[in-house]
Amino acid sequence: MSAGKYAAQIVEVPDHGIKLEPVEGTTIPDGANEVNLLGMSIALALGAAGYHHHAEQRDPELQTLDALLAGDAVMPWKPTEAGSTAYIVCELNDGRPRCEVRPTAE
């Protein structure tokens, strides 16, 4: 994975889950391994921040990791506090992304 930063606003989609809206200048990986590693790191960070799986099941044909990272898919996660604004911020270094949920994209 190339060095860089992935940052996206976490947007709640009522009754469906969350959507990630990448901020300008963010790095979106395109290799399958890099996408999977980033997707797993994001899921771990969301879980650590108190996000839970929404009852709605994921549609694997439409809700892919590529679509999630690009901001084109809603995934079945819900925040513990509805209506809050948060960002997922990931440092993309050495093939092991490190992600956390923050109040800002910085």
Protein backbone atom coordinates (compact mmCIF):
# COMPACT_ATOMS: atom_id res chain seq x y z
CA MET A 1 0.00 0.00 0.00
CA SER A 2 1.37 3.39 -0.84
CA ALA A 3 1.94 5.97 1.83
CA GLY A 4 -0.83 8.48 2.22
CA LYS A 5 -4.01 9.09 4.11
CA TYR A 6 -7.59 7.95 3.68
CA ALA A 7 -10.11 10.24 5.37
CA ALA A 8 -13.88 10.30 5.02
CA GLN A 9 -16.85 11.80 6.81
CA ILE A 10 -19.11 9.15 8.32
CA VAL A 11 -22.65 9.96 7.18
CA GLU A 12 -25.63 8.23 8.75
CA VAL A 13 -28.27 7.02 6.31
CA PRO A 14 -31.41 6.51 8.44
CA ASP A 15 -32.71 2.94 8.55
CA HIS A 16 -29.84 1.68 6.35
CA GLY A 17 -26.46 2.31 7.99
CA ILE A 18 -23.57 4.60 7.19
CA LYS A 19 -21.85 5.92 4.12
CA LEU A 20 -18.26 7.19 3.90
CA GLU A 21 -17.78 10.46 2.01
CA PRO A 22 -14.05 10.78 1.22
CA VAL A 23 -12.57 14.21 1.88
CA GLU A 24 -10.72 16.04 -0.88
CA GLY A 25 -7.17 14.83 -1.38
CA THR A 26 -7.75 11.44 0.23
CA THR A 27 -5.95 8.38 -1.13
CA ILE A 28 -8.22 5.54 -2.21
CA PRO A 29 -6.23 2.36 -2.88
CA ASP A 30 -7.04 0.33 -5.98
CA GLY A 31 -5.27 -2.99 -5.41
CA ALA A 32 -7.45 -5.80 -4.03
CA ASN A 33 -5.12 -6.53 -1.11
CA GLU A 34 -4.83 -2.87 -0.16
CA VAL A 35 -8.61 -2.38 -0.39
CA ASN A 36 -9.23 -5.42 1.83
CA LEU A 37 -6.66 -4.32 4.43
CA LEU A 38 -8.12 -0.82 4.56
CA GLY A 39 -11.67 -2.18 4.76
CA MET A 40 -10.72 -4.41 7.69
CA SER A 41 -8.93 -1.56 9.46
CA ILE A 42 -11.97 0.69 9.01
CA ALA A 43 -14.28 -2.01 10.41
CA LEU A 44 -12.03 -2.46 13.46
CA ALA A 45 -11.90 1.31 14.05
CA LEU A 46 -15.68 1.62 13.74
CA GLY A 47 -16.17 -1.21 16.23
CA ALA A 48 -13.68 0.33 18.66
CA ALA A 49 -15.57 3.64 18.40
CA GLY A 50 -18.86 1.99 19.37
CA TYR A 51 -20.47 1.52 15.96
CA HIS A 52 -22.70 -1.56 15.68
CA HIS A 53 -24.03 -3.60 12.78
CA HIS A 54 -27.40 -2.40 11.54
CA ALA A 55 -30.14 -5.03 11.27
CA GLU A 56 -30.27 -4.63 7.47
CA GLN A 57 -28.14 -7.23 5.68
CA ARG A 58 -25.40 -6.19 3.26
CA ASP A 59 -25.97 -6.78 -0.48
CA PRO A 60 -22.60 -8.23 -1.60
CA GLU A 61 -23.20 -7.32 -5.25
CA LEU A 62 -23.77 -3.62 -4.55
CA GLN A 63 -22.06 -3.01 -1.22
CA THR A 64 -18.45 -3.81 -2.00
CA LEU A 65 -15.38 -2.46 -0.23
CA ASP A 66 -14.42 -0.51 -3.36
CA ALA A 67 -17.85 1.17 -3.38
CA LEU A 68 -17.65 1.86 0.37
CA LEU A 69 -14.24 3.53 0.13
CA ALA A 70 -15.35 5.63 -2.85
CA GLY A 71 -18.49 6.79 -1.05
CA ASP A 72 -20.88 4.93 -3.36
CA ALA A 73 -22.31 2.35 -0.93
CA VAL A 74 -24.19 2.39 2.35
CA MET A 75 -22.97 -0.25 4.76
CA PRO A 76 -24.93 -1.81 7.64
CA TRP A 77 -23.29 0.01 10.55
CA LYS A 78 -24.93 2.45 12.92
CA PRO A 79 -23.41 4.95 15.33
CA THR A 80 -24.03 4.71 19.04
CA GLU A 81 -25.09 8.36 18.99
CA ALA A 82 -27.45 9.25 16.14
CA GLY A 83 -26.84 12.53 14.38
CA SER A 84 -23.22 12.92 15.45
CA THR A 85 -20.55 14.02 12.98
CA ALA A 86 -17.39 11.96 12.80
CA TYR A 87 -14.63 11.05 10.39
CA ILE A 88 -12.67 7.89 9.77
CA VAL A 89 -8.98 8.74 9.35
CA CYS A 90 -6.45 6.14 8.22
CA GLU A 91 -2.70 6.42 7.80
CA LEU A 92 -1.66 4.22 4.86
CA ASN A 93 1.91 3.16 5.63
CA ASP A 94 3.90 -0.04 5.21
CA GLY A 95 0.90 -2.07 4.06
CA ARG A 96 -0.77 -1.84 7.47
CA PRO A 97 -3.33 0.96 7.60
CA ARG A 98 -4.02 2.44 11.01
CA CYS A 99 -7.51 3.90 11.32
CA GLU A 100 -9.43 5.75 13.97
CA VAL A 101 -12.71 7.60 14.28
CA ARG A 102 -12.16 11.30 15.02
CA PRO A 103 -14.31 14.42 15.34
CA THR A 104 -12.42 16.04 12.41
CA ALA A 105 -10.65 14.80 9.27
CA GLU A 106 -7.29 16.05 10.49
